[in-house]
Amino acid sequence: MRTMAPARKTTTITSIPSQRSPRWNIIATQPNGNFMPHHHTTKDNISVIDRRTMQAVGQTLLNVIYGQPFNY
């Protein structure tokens, strides 16, 4: 699990085990630990994900694809 801490929130990126392909869950929380207001609403979409978080997910994905072979 990798945690990034932008100025106003904490973003946790977790790996979700899957039989077919790896998956990641991006969850942003407020400083008090509560979920962000958009969590699990119609406003919970890619536009609310911080650019730095997307870069961390992309880098992680590239490291997994090129550095860790999958065991299917």
N, C-alpha and C. Protein backbone atom coordinates (compact mmCIF):
# COMPACT_ATOMS: atom_id res chain seq x y z
N MET A 1 0.85 -1.17 0.00
CA MET A 1 0.00 0.00 0.00
C MET A 1 0.89 1.23 0.00
N ARG A 2 0.56 2.20 -0.84
CA ARG A 2 1.32 3.44 -0.93
C ARG A 2 0.38 4.58 -0.54
N THR A 3 0.86 5.50 0.29
CA THR A 3 0.04 6.63 0.70
C THR A 3 0.71 7.92 0.25
N MET A 4 -0.07 8.79 -0.39
CA MET A 4 0.41 10.10 -0.80
C MET A 4 -0.35 11.13 0.03
N ALA A 5 0.29 12.22 0.39
CA ALA A 5 -0.37 13.20 1.24
C ALA A 5 -0.33 14.59 0.62
N PRO A 6 -1.28 14.89 -0.28
CA PRO A 6 -1.39 16.27 -0.76
C PRO A 6 -1.76 17.18 0.41
N ALA A 7 -1.74 18.46 0.19
CA ALA A 7 -1.91 19.45 1.26
C ALA A 7 -3.19 19.25 2.08
N ARG A 8 -4.32 18.93 1.46
CA ARG A 8 -5.58 18.91 2.19
C ARG A 8 -6.15 17.53 2.46
N LYS A 9 -5.57 16.50 1.90
CA LYS A 9 -6.16 15.19 2.07
C LYS A 9 -5.09 14.11 2.00
N THR A 10 -5.47 12.90 2.35
CA THR A 10 -4.60 11.75 2.22
C THR A 10 -5.22 10.83 1.19
N THR A 11 -4.41 10.32 0.30
CA THR A 11 -4.89 9.39 -0.71
C THR A 11 -4.21 8.06 -0.50
N THR A 12 -5.00 7.01 -0.38
CA THR A 12 -4.48 5.67 -0.20
C THR A 12 -4.73 4.87 -1.47
N ILE A 13 -3.70 4.23 -1.96
CA ILE A 13 -3.81 3.39 -3.15
C ILE A 13 -3.58 1.96 -2.68
N THR A 14 -4.56 1.10 -2.85
CA THR A 14 -4.42 -0.28 -2.41
C THR A 14 -4.57 -1.22 -3.59
N SER A 15 -3.86 -2.31 -3.54
CA SER A 15 -3.96 -3.34 -4.56
C SER A 15 -5.12 -4.26 -4.18
N ILE A 16 -5.94 -4.62 -5.18
CA ILE A 16 -7.07 -5.50 -4.95
C ILE A 16 -6.78 -6.82 -5.66
N PRO A 17 -6.64 -7.92 -4.91
CA PRO A 17 -6.34 -9.20 -5.56
C PRO A 17 -7.45 -9.59 -6.54
N SER A 18 -7.05 -10.17 -7.65
CA SER A 18 -8.01 -10.60 -8.66
C SER A 18 -7.45 -11.83 -9.36
N GLN A 19 -8.33 -12.70 -9.81
CA GLN A 19 -7.88 -13.89 -10.53
C GLN A 19 -7.46 -13.55 -11.95
N ARG A 20 -7.97 -12.48 -12.52
CA ARG A 20 -7.70 -12.16 -13.91
C ARG A 20 -6.64 -11.09 -14.11
N SER A 21 -6.71 -10.01 -13.39
CA SER A 21 -5.74 -8.93 -13.56
C SER A 21 -5.65 -8.11 -12.29
N PRO A 22 -4.50 -7.47 -12.06
CA PRO A 22 -4.37 -6.64 -10.86
C PRO A 22 -5.27 -5.41 -10.95
N ARG A 23 -5.72 -4.94 -9.81
CA ARG A 23 -6.58 -3.76 -9.74
C ARG A 23 -6.14 -2.90 -8.57
N TRP A 24 -6.43 -1.59 -8.68
CA TRP A 24 -6.08 -0.67 -7.61
C TRP A 24 -7.30 0.13 -7.24
N ASN A 25 -7.38 0.47 -5.97
CA ASN A 25 -8.46 1.27 -5.44
C ASN A 25 -7.85 2.57 -4.93
N ILE A 26 -8.37 3.72 -5.37
CA ILE A 26 -7.86 5.01 -4.93
C ILE A 26 -8.91 5.63 -4.02
N ILE A 27 -8.55 5.84 -2.75
CA ILE A 27 -9.49 6.38 -1.78
C ILE A 27 -8.88 7.62 -1.14
N ALA A 28 -9.56 8.75 -1.29
CA ALA A 28 -9.10 10.00 -0.67
C ALA A 28 -9.89 10.23 0.60
N THR A 29 -9.17 10.64 1.65
CA THR A 29 -9.83 10.96 2.91
C THR A 29 -9.47 12.37 3.35
N GLN A 30 -10.35 12.93 4.14
CA GLN A 30 -10.13 14.26 4.70
C GLN A 30 -9.15 14.15 5.86
N PRO A 31 -8.56 15.27 6.29
CA PRO A 31 -7.60 15.21 7.41
C PRO A 31 -8.16 14.56 8.68
N ASN A 32 -9.49 14.64 8.88
CA ASN A 32 -10.08 14.03 10.07
C ASN A 32 -10.34 12.53 9.90
N GLY A 33 -9.99 11.98 8.71
CA GLY A 33 -10.15 10.56 8.47
C GLY A 33 -11.43 10.18 7.76
N ASN A 34 -12.37 11.10 7.64
CA ASN A 34 -13.62 10.82 6.93
C ASN A 34 -13.37 10.78 5.42
N PHE A 35 -14.26 10.06 4.72
CA PHE A 35 -14.18 10.05 3.27
C PHE A 35 -14.50 11.43 2.72
N MET A 36 -14.02 11.69 1.51
CA MET A 36 -14.34 12.95 0.84
C MET A 36 -15.83 12.98 0.52
N PRO A 37 -16.43 14.18 0.40
CA PRO A 37 -17.88 14.28 0.16
C PRO A 37 -18.35 13.57 -1.11
N HIS A 38 -17.48 13.45 -2.11
CA HIS A 38 -17.89 12.81 -3.36
C HIS A 38 -17.82 11.29 -3.32
N HIS A 39 -17.27 10.71 -2.24
CA HIS A 39 -17.05 9.27 -2.17
C HIS A 39 -18.36 8.50 -2.35
N HIS A 40 -18.36 7.58 -3.32
CA HIS A 40 -19.52 6.73 -3.65
C HIS A 40 -20.76 7.52 -4.01
N THR A 41 -20.58 8.63 -4.72
CA THR A 41 -21.69 9.40 -5.27
C THR A 41 -21.49 9.50 -6.78
N THR A 42 -22.41 10.14 -7.47
CA THR A 42 -22.26 10.32 -8.92
C THR A 42 -21.12 11.26 -9.25
N LYS A 43 -20.62 12.00 -8.26
CA LYS A 43 -19.48 12.90 -8.48
C LYS A 43 -18.14 12.21 -8.23
N ASP A 44 -18.17 10.94 -7.89
CA ASP A 44 -16.96 10.16 -7.63
C ASP A 44 -16.46 9.61 -8.97
N ASN A 45 -15.65 10.41 -9.66
CA ASN A 45 -15.14 10.02 -10.98
C ASN A 45 -13.70 10.47 -11.12
N ILE A 46 -13.12 10.20 -12.25
CA ILE A 46 -11.69 10.46 -12.46
C ILE A 46 -11.33 11.94 -12.32
N SER A 47 -12.27 12.84 -12.52
CA SER A 47 -11.96 14.27 -12.45
C SER A 47 -11.60 14.74 -11.03
N VAL A 48 -11.95 13.97 -10.01
CA VAL A 48 -11.65 14.37 -8.63
C VAL A 48 -10.34 13.79 -8.13
N ILE A 49 -9.66 12.99 -8.96
CA ILE A 49 -8.39 12.39 -8.55
C ILE A 49 -7.25 13.35 -8.86
N ASP A 50 -6.44 13.63 -7.87
CA ASP A 50 -5.31 14.53 -8.02
C ASP A 50 -4.33 14.00 -9.06
N ARG A 51 -3.75 14.88 -9.84
CA ARG A 51 -2.81 14.52 -10.90
C ARG A 51 -1.61 13.74 -10.34
N ARG A 52 -1.14 14.12 -9.15
CA ARG A 52 -0.01 13.42 -8.54
C ARG A 52 -0.37 11.98 -8.18
N THR A 53 -1.61 11.79 -7.76
CA THR A 53 -2.08 10.44 -7.45
C THR A 53 -2.14 9.59 -8.70
N MET A 54 -2.65 10.16 -9.79
CA MET A 54 -2.71 9.43 -11.05
C MET A 54 -1.30 9.06 -11.52
N GLN A 55 -0.34 9.95 -11.31
CA GLN A 55 1.04 9.66 -11.70
C GLN A 55 1.58 8.50 -10.85
N ALA A 56 1.28 8.50 -9.56
CA ALA A 56 1.74 7.41 -8.69
C ALA A 56 1.13 6.08 -9.12
N VAL A 57 -0.15 6.08 -9.48
CA VAL A 57 -0.81 4.86 -9.95
C VAL A 57 -0.17 4.40 -11.25
N GLY A 58 0.07 5.34 -12.17
CA GLY A 58 0.70 5.00 -13.45
C GLY A 58 2.08 4.41 -13.26
N GLN A 59 2.89 5.02 -12.40
CA GLN A 59 4.23 4.52 -12.14
C GLN A 59 4.18 3.13 -11.51
N THR A 60 3.26 2.94 -10.58
CA THR A 60 3.10 1.63 -9.94
C THR A 60 2.71 0.59 -10.97
N LEU A 61 1.76 0.94 -11.83
CA LEU A 61 1.32 0.01 -12.87
C LEU A 61 2.47 -0.36 -13.81
N LEU A 62 3.26 0.63 -14.23
CA LEU A 62 4.41 0.34 -15.09
C LEU A 62 5.42 -0.56 -14.39
N ASN A 63 5.66 -0.31 -13.10
CA ASN A 63 6.58 -1.16 -12.34
C ASN A 63 6.08 -2.59 -12.25
N VAL A 64 4.77 -2.75 -12.08
CA VAL A 64 4.21 -4.10 -12.01
C VAL A 64 4.30 -4.79 -13.36
N ILE A 65 3.91 -4.08 -14.43
CA ILE A 65 3.91 -4.68 -15.77
C ILE A 65 5.31 -5.08 -16.20
N TYR A 66 6.28 -4.21 -16.00
CA TYR A 66 7.62 -4.46 -16.49
C TYR A 66 8.56 -5.10 -15.46
N GLY A 67 8.18 -5.09 -14.21
CA GLY A 67 9.09 -5.57 -13.18
C GLY A 67 8.63 -6.83 -12.45
N GLN A 68 7.34 -7.14 -12.51
CA GLN A 68 6.84 -8.30 -11.78
C GLN A 68 5.95 -9.11 -12.71
N PRO A 69 6.44 -10.25 -13.17
CA PRO A 69 5.60 -11.07 -14.07
C PRO A 69 4.37 -11.59 -13.33
N PHE A 70 3.27 -11.67 -14.06
CA PHE A 70 2.02 -12.19 -13.48
C PHE A 70 2.02 -13.72 -13.50
N ASN A 71 1.46 -14.30 -12.51
CA ASN A 71 1.33 -15.75 -12.43
C ASN A 71 -0.13 -16.12 -12.67
N TYR A 72 -0.48 -16.31 -13.92
CA TYR A 72 -1.87 -16.65 -14.25
C TYR A 72 -2.07 -18.13 -14.21
